[in-house]
Amino acid sequence: MENEKHIVYILKCKDNTLYTGYTNHLENRLKMHTEGKGAKYTRGRGPFQVMFIEKFPTKEEAMQNEYKIKKLSRQEKLQLIEDKVKE
């Protein structure tokens, strides 16, 4: 698991918006989002549903992927989630 500790995730917020983030400890990060101590965007938008998780061997790869996902449209993100579910 050590080589896959860099995670990019997509959360679905209660207002049906999507939030993309990076972490090296998903459980702690989700707890922070839930407590309102995570990203400013997610404050007051809980509860959250994890829609997408992708693991990477390096922080650089994860951050690059997070950046690419954040540039996608909502529809493209939903397609990405759907494709991941089919794997």
PDB file of N, CA and C in Angstrom:
ATOM      1  N   MET A   1       0.829  -1.200   0.000  1.00  0.00           N
ATOM      2  CA  MET A   1       0.000   0.000   0.000  1.00  0.00           C
ATOM      3  C   MET A   1       0.866   1.254   0.000  1.00  0.00           C
ATOM      4  N   GLU A   2       2.080   1.136   0.480  1.00  0.00           N
ATOM      5  CA  GLU A   2       2.988   2.283   0.559  1.00  0.00           C
ATOM      6  C   GLU A   2       3.188   2.952  -0.794  1.00  0.00           C
ATOM      7  N   ASN A   3       3.220   2.163  -1.869  1.00  0.00           N
ATOM      8  CA  ASN A   3       3.450   2.738  -3.197  1.00  0.00           C
ATOM      9  C   ASN A   3       2.188   3.327  -3.817  1.00  0.00           C
ATOM     10  N   GLU A   4       1.064   3.259  -3.110  1.00  0.00           N
ATOM     11  CA  GLU A   4      -0.182   3.821  -3.642  1.00  0.00           C
ATOM     12  C   GLU A   4      -0.846   4.705  -2.605  1.00  0.00           C
ATOM     13  N   LYS A   5      -0.069   5.550  -1.942  1.00  0.00           N
ATOM     14  CA  LYS A   5      -0.653   6.373  -0.888  1.00  0.00           C
ATOM     15  C   LYS A   5      -1.068   7.761  -1.362  1.00  0.00           C
ATOM     16  N   HIS A   6      -0.920   8.026  -2.622  1.00  0.00           N
ATOM     17  CA  HIS A   6      -1.313   9.322  -3.170  1.00  0.00           C
ATOM     18  C   HIS A   6      -2.628   9.141  -3.918  1.00  0.00           C
ATOM     19  N   ILE A   7      -3.668   9.799  -3.426  1.00  0.00           N
ATOM     20  CA  ILE A   7      -5.022   9.532  -3.895  1.00  0.00           C
ATOM     21  C   ILE A   7      -5.688  10.791  -4.432  1.00  0.00           C
ATOM     22  N   VAL A   8      -6.327  10.647  -5.594  1.00  0.00           N
ATOM     23  CA  VAL A   8      -7.184  11.688  -6.141  1.00  0.00           C
ATOM     24  C   VAL A   8      -8.608  11.174  -5.994  1.00  0.00           C
ATOM     25  N   TYR A   9      -9.492  12.035  -5.497  1.00  0.00           N
ATOM     26  CA  TYR A   9     -10.860  11.592  -5.247  1.00  0.00           C
ATOM     27  C   TYR A   9     -11.852  12.647  -5.718  1.00  0.00           C
ATOM     28  N   ILE A  10     -13.072  12.177  -5.982  1.00  0.00           N
ATOM     29  CA  ILE A  10     -14.172  13.080  -6.313  1.00  0.00           C
ATOM     30  C   ILE A  10     -15.295  12.808  -5.320  1.00  0.00           C
ATOM     31  N   LEU A  11     -15.761  13.877  -4.683  1.00  0.00           N
ATOM     32  CA  LEU A  11     -16.880  13.783  -3.755  1.00  0.00           C
ATOM     33  C   LEU A  11     -18.124  14.367  -4.396  1.00  0.00           C
ATOM     34  N   LYS A  12     -19.247  13.759  -4.114  1.00  0.00           N
ATOM     35  CA  LYS A  12     -20.538  14.345  -4.488  1.00  0.00           C
ATOM     36  C   LYS A  12     -21.091  14.980  -3.217  1.00  0.00           C
ATOM     37  N   CYS A  13     -21.346  16.269  -3.274  1.00  0.00           N
ATOM     38  CA  CYS A  13     -21.855  17.003  -2.121  1.00  0.00           C
ATOM     39  C   CYS A  13     -23.369  16.902  -2.059  1.00  0.00           C
ATOM     40  N   LYS A  14     -23.944  17.297  -0.910  1.00  0.00           N
ATOM     41  CA  LYS A  14     -25.405  17.189  -0.755  1.00  0.00           C
ATOM     42  C   LYS A  14     -26.151  18.080  -1.737  1.00  0.00           C
ATOM     43  N   ASP A  15     -25.495  19.149  -2.223  1.00  0.00           N
ATOM     44  CA  ASP A  15     -26.150  20.021  -3.201  1.00  0.00           C
ATOM     45  C   ASP A  15     -25.926  19.528  -4.636  1.00  0.00           C
ATOM     46  N   ASN A  16     -25.426  18.288  -4.736  1.00  0.00           N
ATOM     47  CA  ASN A  16     -25.234  17.608  -6.018  1.00  0.00           C
ATOM     48  C   ASN A  16     -24.055  18.145  -6.830  1.00  0.00           C
ATOM     49  N   THR A  17     -23.199  18.960  -6.221  1.00  0.00           N
ATOM     50  CA  THR A  17     -21.997  19.421  -6.905  1.00  0.00           C
ATOM     51  C   THR A  17     -20.886  18.402  -6.688  1.00  0.00           C
ATOM     52  N   LEU A  18     -19.851  18.491  -7.493  1.00  0.00           N
ATOM     53  CA  LEU A  18     -18.717  17.575  -7.398  1.00  0.00           C
ATOM     54  C   LEU A  18     -17.489  18.337  -6.928  1.00  0.00           C
ATOM     55  N   TYR A  19     -16.730  17.721  -6.036  1.00  0.00           N
ATOM     56  CA  TYR A  19     -15.482  18.304  -5.552  1.00  0.00           C
ATOM     57  C   TYR A  19     -14.356  17.313  -5.811  1.00  0.00           C
ATOM     58  N   THR A  20     -13.285  17.777  -6.417  1.00  0.00           N
ATOM     59  CA  THR A  20     -12.123  16.931  -6.693  1.00  0.00           C
ATOM     60  C   THR A  20     -10.987  17.349  -5.771  1.00  0.00           C
ATOM     61  N   GLY A  21     -10.323  16.371  -5.179  1.00  0.00           N
ATOM     62  CA  GLY A  21      -9.224  16.685  -4.269  1.00  0.00           C
ATOM     63  C   GLY A  21      -8.130  15.644  -4.308  1.00  0.00           C
ATOM     64  N   TYR A  22      -7.041  15.980  -3.611  1.00  0.00           N
ATOM     65  CA  TYR A  22      -5.885  15.089  -3.472  1.00  0.00           C
ATOM     66  C   TYR A  22      -5.632  14.873  -1.984  1.00  0.00           C
ATOM     67  N   THR A  23      -5.204  13.686  -1.628  1.00  0.00           N
ATOM     68  CA  THR A  23      -4.798  13.412  -0.248  1.00  0.00           C
ATOM     69  C   THR A  23      -3.822  12.250  -0.229  1.00  0.00           C
ATOM     70  N   ASN A  24      -3.134  12.109   0.893  1.00  0.00           N
ATOM     71  CA  ASN A  24      -2.320  10.907   1.085  1.00  0.00           C
ATOM     72  C   ASN A  24      -2.914  10.057   2.212  1.00  0.00           C
ATOM     73  N   HIS A  25      -4.082  10.488   2.728  1.00  0.00           N
ATOM     74  CA  HIS A  25      -4.789   9.705   3.749  1.00  0.00           C
ATOM     75  C   HIS A  25      -6.280  10.004   3.635  1.00  0.00           C
ATOM     76  N   LEU A  26      -6.972   9.221   2.826  1.00  0.00           N
ATOM     77  CA  LEU A  26      -8.367   9.506   2.470  1.00  0.00           C
ATOM     78  C   LEU A  26      -9.302   9.546   3.671  1.00  0.00           C
ATOM     79  N   GLU A  27      -9.161   8.604   4.578  1.00  0.00           N
ATOM     80  CA  GLU A  27     -10.062   8.548   5.735  1.00  0.00           C
ATOM     81  C   GLU A  27      -9.976   9.842   6.556  1.00  0.00           C
ATOM     82  N   ASN A  28      -8.760  10.304   6.827  1.00  0.00           N
ATOM     83  CA  ASN A  28      -8.586  11.554   7.579  1.00  0.00           C
ATOM     84  C   ASN A  28      -9.141  12.742   6.812  1.00  0.00           C
ATOM     85  N   ARG A  29      -8.903  12.769   5.512  1.00  0.00           N
ATOM     86  CA  ARG A  29      -9.346  13.890   4.679  1.00  0.00           C
ATOM     87  C   ARG A  29     -10.878  13.973   4.657  1.00  0.00           C
ATOM     88  N   LEU A  30     -11.538  12.827   4.531  1.00  0.00           N
ATOM     89  CA  LEU A  30     -13.005  12.806   4.539  1.00  0.00           C
ATOM     90  C   LEU A  30     -13.539  13.284   5.884  1.00  0.00           C
ATOM     91  N   LYS A  31     -12.869  12.898   6.964  1.00  0.00           N
ATOM     92  CA  LYS A  31     -13.256  13.348   8.299  1.00  0.00           C
ATOM     93  C   LYS A  31     -13.151  14.868   8.382  1.00  0.00           C
ATOM     94  N   MET A  32     -12.075  15.423   7.835  1.00  0.00           N
ATOM     95  CA  MET A  32     -11.892  16.877   7.850  1.00  0.00           C
ATOM     96  C   MET A  32     -13.002  17.576   7.051  1.00  0.00           C
ATOM     97  N   HIS A  33     -13.330  17.043   5.878  1.00  0.00           N
ATOM     98  CA  HIS A  33     -14.421  17.614   5.076  1.00  0.00           C
ATOM     99  C   HIS A  33     -15.725  17.591   5.879  1.00  0.00           C
ATOM    100  N   THR A  34     -16.011  16.464   6.506  1.00  0.00           N
ATOM    101  CA  THR A  34     -17.244  16.301   7.269  1.00  0.00           C
ATOM    102  C   THR A  34     -17.317  17.283   8.430  1.00  0.00           C
ATOM    103  N   GLU A  35     -16.163  17.539   9.067  1.00  0.00           N
ATOM    104  CA  GLU A  35     -16.113  18.453  10.215  1.00  0.00           C
ATOM    105  C   GLU A  35     -16.052  19.921   9.782  1.00  0.00           C
ATOM    106  N   GLY A  36     -16.023  20.168   8.467  1.00  0.00           N
ATOM    107  CA  GLY A  36     -15.967  21.538   7.988  1.00  0.00           C
ATOM    108  C   GLY A  36     -14.564  22.124   8.028  1.00  0.00           C
ATOM    109  N   LYS A  37     -13.550  21.274   8.195  1.00  0.00           N
ATOM    110  CA  LYS A  37     -12.166  21.732   8.269  1.00  0.00           C
ATOM    111  C   LYS A  37     -11.389  21.393   7.002  1.00  0.00           C
ATOM    112  N   GLY A  38     -12.075  20.842   6.017  1.00  0.00           N
ATOM    113  CA  GLY A  38     -11.429  20.496   4.750  1.00  0.00           C
ATOM    114  C   GLY A  38     -11.360  21.720   3.858  1.00  0.00           C
ATOM    115  N   ALA A  39     -11.543  21.539   2.601  1.00  0.00           N
ATOM    116  CA  ALA A  39     -11.507  22.640   1.645  1.00  0.00           C
ATOM    117  C   ALA A  39     -12.649  23.615   1.905  1.00  0.00           C
ATOM    118  N   LYS A  40     -12.399  24.886   1.653  1.00  0.00           N
ATOM    119  CA  LYS A  40     -13.420  25.920   1.841  1.00  0.00           C
ATOM    120  C   LYS A  40     -14.682  25.577   1.042  1.00  0.00           C
ATOM    121  N   TYR A  41     -14.488  25.042  -0.163  1.00  0.00           N
ATOM    122  CA  TYR A  41     -15.621  24.710  -1.040  1.00  0.00           C
ATOM    123  C   TYR A  41     -16.592  23.729  -0.383  1.00  0.00           C
ATOM    124  N   THR A  42     -16.064  22.776   0.369  1.00  0.00           N
ATOM    125  CA  THR A  42     -16.919  21.712   0.903  1.00  0.00           C
ATOM    126  C   THR A  42     -17.614  22.085   2.209  1.00  0.00           C
ATOM    127  N   ARG A  43     -17.253  23.200   2.813  1.00  0.00           N
ATOM    128  CA  ARG A  43     -17.885  23.592   4.081  1.00  0.00           C
ATOM    129  C   ARG A  43     -19.376  23.811   3.886  1.00  0.00           C
ATOM    130  N   GLY A  44     -20.158  23.129   4.714  1.00  0.00           N
ATOM    131  CA  GLY A  44     -21.605  23.266   4.644  1.00  0.00           C
ATOM    132  C   GLY A  44     -22.257  22.495   3.509  1.00  0.00           C
ATOM    133  N   ARG A  45     -21.471  21.704   2.785  1.00  0.00           N
ATOM    134  CA  ARG A  45     -22.032  20.954   1.664  1.00  0.00           C
ATOM    135  C   ARG A  45     -22.151  19.459   1.961  1.00  0.00           C
ATOM    136  N   GLY A  46     -21.859  19.040   3.175  1.00  0.00           N
ATOM    137  CA  GLY A  46     -21.947  17.636   3.549  1.00  0.00           C
ATOM    138  C   GLY A  46     -23.388  17.240   3.787  1.00  0.00           C
ATOM    139  N   PRO A  47     -23.721  15.972   3.876  1.00  0.00           N
ATOM    140  CA  PRO A  47     -22.794  14.848   3.799  1.00  0.00           C
ATOM    141  C   PRO A  47     -22.284  14.598   2.378  1.00  0.00           C
ATOM    142  N   PHE A  48     -21.183  13.882   2.321  1.00  0.00           N
ATOM    143  CA  PHE A  48     -20.520  13.621   1.056  1.00  0.00           C
ATOM    144  C   PHE A  48     -20.594  12.150   0.683  1.00  0.00           C
ATOM    145  N   GLN A  49     -20.522  11.916  -0.602  1.00  0.00           N
ATOM    146  CA  GLN A  49     -20.465  10.545  -1.115  1.00  0.00           C
ATOM    147  C   GLN A  49     -19.216  10.457  -1.982  1.00  0.00           C
ATOM    148  N   VAL A  50     -18.337   9.507  -1.677  1.00  0.00           N
ATOM    149  CA  VAL A  50     -17.137   9.325  -2.488  1.00  0.00           C
ATOM    150  C   VAL A  50     -17.549   8.653  -3.791  1.00  0.00           C
ATOM    151  N   MET A  51     -17.298   9.342  -4.896  1.00  0.00           N
ATOM    152  CA  MET A  51     -17.731   8.841  -6.202  1.00  0.00           C
ATOM    153  C   MET A  51     -16.582   8.209  -6.990  1.00  0.00           C
ATOM    154  N   PHE A  52     -15.348   8.621  -6.675  1.00  0.00           N
ATOM    155  CA  PHE A  52     -14.200   8.241  -7.505  1.00  0.00           C
ATOM    156  C   PHE A  52     -12.950   8.264  -6.647  1.00  0.00           C
ATOM    157  N   ILE A  53     -12.133   7.217  -6.785  1.00  0.00           N
ATOM    158  CA  ILE A  53     -10.833   7.159  -6.114  1.00  0.00           C
ATOM    159  C   ILE A  53      -9.841   6.586  -7.110  1.00  0.00           C
ATOM    160  N   GLU A  54      -8.710   7.256  -7.239  1.00  0.00           N
ATOM    161  CA  GLU A  54      -7.637   6.732  -8.071  1.00  0.00           C
ATOM    162  C   GLU A  54      -6.332   6.909  -7.303  1.00  0.00           C
ATOM    163  N   LYS A  55      -5.537   5.839  -7.239  1.00  0.00           N
ATOM    164  CA  LYS A  55      -4.293   5.849  -6.471  1.00  0.00           C
ATOM    165  C   LYS A  55      -3.095   5.951  -7.399  1.00  0.00           C
ATOM    166  N   PHE A  56      -2.066   6.649  -6.918  1.00  0.00           N
ATOM    167  CA  PHE A  56      -0.857   6.877  -7.700  1.00  0.00           C
ATOM    168  C   PHE A  56       0.382   6.594  -6.855  1.00  0.00           C
ATOM    169  N   PRO A  57       1.461   6.166  -7.511  1.00  0.00           N
ATOM    170  CA  PRO A  57       2.694   5.870  -6.774  1.00  0.00           C
ATOM    171  C   PRO A  57       3.438   7.121  -6.302  1.00  0.00           C
ATOM    172  N   THR A  58       3.221   8.268  -6.971  1.00  0.00           N
ATOM    173  CA  THR A  58       3.923   9.484  -6.564  1.00  0.00           C
ATOM    174  C   THR A  58       2.956  10.646  -6.401  1.00  0.00           C
ATOM    175  N   LYS A  59       3.344  11.584  -5.563  1.00  0.00           N
ATOM    176  CA  LYS A  59       2.530  12.785  -5.350  1.00  0.00           C
ATOM    177  C   LYS A  59       2.413  13.581  -6.644  1.00  0.00           C
ATOM    178  N   GLU A  60       3.506  13.646  -7.396  1.00  0.00           N
ATOM    179  CA  GLU A  60       3.509  14.401  -8.653  1.00  0.00           C
ATOM    180  C   GLU A  60       2.445  13.884  -9.618  1.00  0.00           C
ATOM    181  N   GLU A  61       2.396  12.567  -9.786  1.00  0.00           N
ATOM    182  CA  GLU A  61       1.401  11.976 -10.689  1.00  0.00           C
ATOM    183  C   GLU A  61      -0.017  12.268 -10.205  1.00  0.00           C
ATOM    184  N   ALA A  62      -0.235  12.150  -8.906  1.00  0.00           N
ATOM    185  CA  ALA A  62      -1.564  12.400  -8.345  1.00  0.00           C
ATOM    186  C   ALA A  62      -1.977  13.857  -8.549  1.00  0.00           C
ATOM    187  N   MET A  63      -1.065  14.783  -8.284  1.00  0.00           N
ATOM    188  CA  MET A  63      -1.379  16.204  -8.418  1.00  0.00           C
ATOM    189  C   MET A  63      -1.653  16.573  -9.878  1.00  0.00           C
ATOM    190  N   GLN A  64      -0.893  15.976 -10.785  1.00  0.00           N
ATOM    191  CA  GLN A  64      -1.123  16.236 -12.213  1.00  0.00           C
ATOM    192  C   GLN A  64      -2.504  15.736 -12.624  1.00  0.00           C
ATOM    193  N   ASN A  65      -2.870  14.563 -12.115  1.00  0.00           N
ATOM    194  CA  ASN A  65      -4.179  14.000 -12.456  1.00  0.00           C
ATOM    195  C   ASN A  65      -5.303  14.818 -11.840  1.00  0.00           C
ATOM    196  N   GLU A  66      -5.117  15.272 -10.610  1.00  0.00           N
ATOM    197  CA  GLU A  66      -6.123  16.123  -9.959  1.00  0.00           C
ATOM    198  C   GLU A  66      -6.350  17.385 -10.794  1.00  0.00           C
ATOM    199  N   TYR A  67      -5.268  17.977 -11.269  1.00  0.00           N
ATOM    200  CA  TYR A  67      -5.349  19.194 -12.081  1.00  0.00           C
ATOM    201  C   TYR A  67      -6.148  18.942 -13.364  1.00  0.00           C
ATOM    202  N   LYS A  68      -5.855  17.794 -14.013  1.00  0.00           N
ATOM    203  CA  LYS A  68      -6.576  17.444 -15.248  1.00  0.00           C
ATOM    204  C   LYS A  68      -8.066  17.265 -14.982  1.00  0.00           C
ATOM    205  N   ILE A  69      -8.392  16.580 -13.894  1.00  0.00           N
ATOM    206  CA  ILE A  69      -9.799  16.329 -13.562  1.00  0.00           C
ATOM    207  C   ILE A  69     -10.510  17.646 -13.253  1.00  0.00           C
ATOM    208  N   LYS A  70      -9.857  18.528 -12.526  1.00  0.00           N
ATOM    209  CA  LYS A  70     -10.483  19.812 -12.163  1.00  0.00           C
ATOM    210  C   LYS A  70     -10.811  20.653 -13.392  1.00  0.00           C
ATOM    211  N   LYS A  71     -10.091  20.451 -14.480  1.00  0.00           N
ATOM    212  CA  LYS A  71     -10.350  21.204 -15.707  1.00  0.00           C
ATOM    213  C   LYS A  71     -11.507  20.624 -16.518  1.00  0.00           C
ATOM    214  N   LEU A  72     -11.948  19.413 -16.183  1.00  0.00           N
ATOM    215  CA  LEU A  72     -13.035  18.777 -16.923  1.00  0.00           C
ATOM    216  C   LEU A  72     -14.375  19.437 -16.589  1.00  0.00           C
ATOM    217  N   SER A  73     -15.304  19.335 -17.519  1.00  0.00           N
ATOM    218  CA  SER A  73     -16.670  19.802 -17.262  1.00  0.00           C
ATOM    219  C   SER A  73     -17.355  18.805 -16.322  1.00  0.00           C
ATOM    220  N   ARG A  74     -18.479  19.218 -15.774  1.00  0.00           N
ATOM    221  CA  ARG A  74     -19.240  18.318 -14.901  1.00  0.00           C
ATOM    222  C   ARG A  74     -19.590  17.029 -15.636  1.00  0.00           C
ATOM    223  N   GLN A  75     -20.027  17.165 -16.885  1.00  0.00           N
ATOM    224  CA  GLN A  75     -20.409  15.997 -17.673  1.00  0.00           C
ATOM    225  C   GLN A  75     -19.216  15.061 -17.875  1.00  0.00           C
ATOM    226  N   GLU A  76     -18.047  15.630 -18.142  1.00  0.00           N
ATOM    227  CA  GLU A  76     -16.839  14.808 -18.328  1.00  0.00           C
ATOM    228  C   GLU A  76     -16.448  14.113 -17.028  1.00  0.00           C
ATOM    229  N   LYS A  77     -16.633  14.787 -15.905  1.00  0.00           N
ATOM    230  CA  LYS A  77     -16.338  14.162 -14.609  1.00  0.00           C
ATOM    231  C   LYS A  77     -17.294  13.003 -14.352  1.00  0.00           C
ATOM    232  N   LEU A  78     -18.571  13.207 -14.662  1.00  0.00           N
ATOM    233  CA  LEU A  78     -19.554  12.128 -14.483  1.00  0.00           C
ATOM    234  C   LEU A  78     -19.219  10.938 -15.376  1.00  0.00           C
ATOM    235  N   GLN A  79     -18.737  11.217 -16.582  1.00  0.00           N
ATOM    236  CA  GLN A  79     -18.325  10.145 -17.496  1.00  0.00           C
ATOM    237  C   GLN A  79     -17.110   9.407 -16.939  1.00  0.00           C
ATOM    238  N   LEU A  80     -16.177  10.146 -16.368  1.00  0.00           N
ATOM    239  CA  LEU A  80     -14.989   9.554 -15.752  1.00  0.00           C
ATOM    240  C   LEU A  80     -15.400   8.613 -14.617  1.00  0.00           C
ATOM    241  N   ILE A  81     -16.334   9.067 -13.788  1.00  0.00           N
ATOM    242  CA  ILE A  81     -16.838   8.247 -12.684  1.00  0.00           C
ATOM    243  C   ILE A  81     -17.513   6.991 -13.226  1.00  0.00           C
ATOM    244  N   GLU A  82     -18.339   7.158 -14.229  1.00  0.00           N
ATOM    245  CA  GLU A  82     -19.049   6.026 -14.826  1.00  0.00           C
ATOM    246  C   GLU A  82     -18.062   5.011 -15.427  1.00  0.00           C
ATOM    247  N   ASP A  83     -17.053   5.515 -16.121  1.00  0.00           N
ATOM    248  CA  ASP A  83     -16.033   4.624 -16.710  1.00  0.00           C
ATOM    249  C   ASP A  83     -15.289   3.853 -15.629  1.00  0.00           C
ATOM    250  N   LYS A  84     -14.989   4.504 -14.525  1.00  0.00           N
ATOM    251  CA  LYS A  84     -14.258   3.874 -13.423  1.00  0.00           C
ATOM    252  C   LYS A  84     -15.100   2.763 -12.806  1.00  0.00           C
ATOM    253  N   VAL A  85     -16.404   2.974 -12.700  1.00  0.00           N
ATOM    254  CA  VAL A  85     -17.309   1.964 -12.127  1.00  0.00           C
ATOM    255  C   VAL A  85     -17.337   0.714 -13.003  1.00  0.00           C
ATOM    256  N   LYS A  86     -17.208   0.896 -14.317  1.00  0.00           N
ATOM    257  CA  LYS A  86     -17.252  -0.231 -15.247  1.00  0.00           C
ATOM    258  C   LYS A  86     -15.993  -1.088 -15.223  1.00  0.00           C
ATOM    259  N   GLU A  87     -14.903  -0.553 -14.674  1.00  0.00           N
ATOM    260  CA  GLU A  87     -13.624  -1.300 -14.668  1.00  0.00           C
ATOM    261  C   GLU A  87     -13.698  -2.534 -13.793  1.00  0.00           C
TER     262      GLU A  87
END
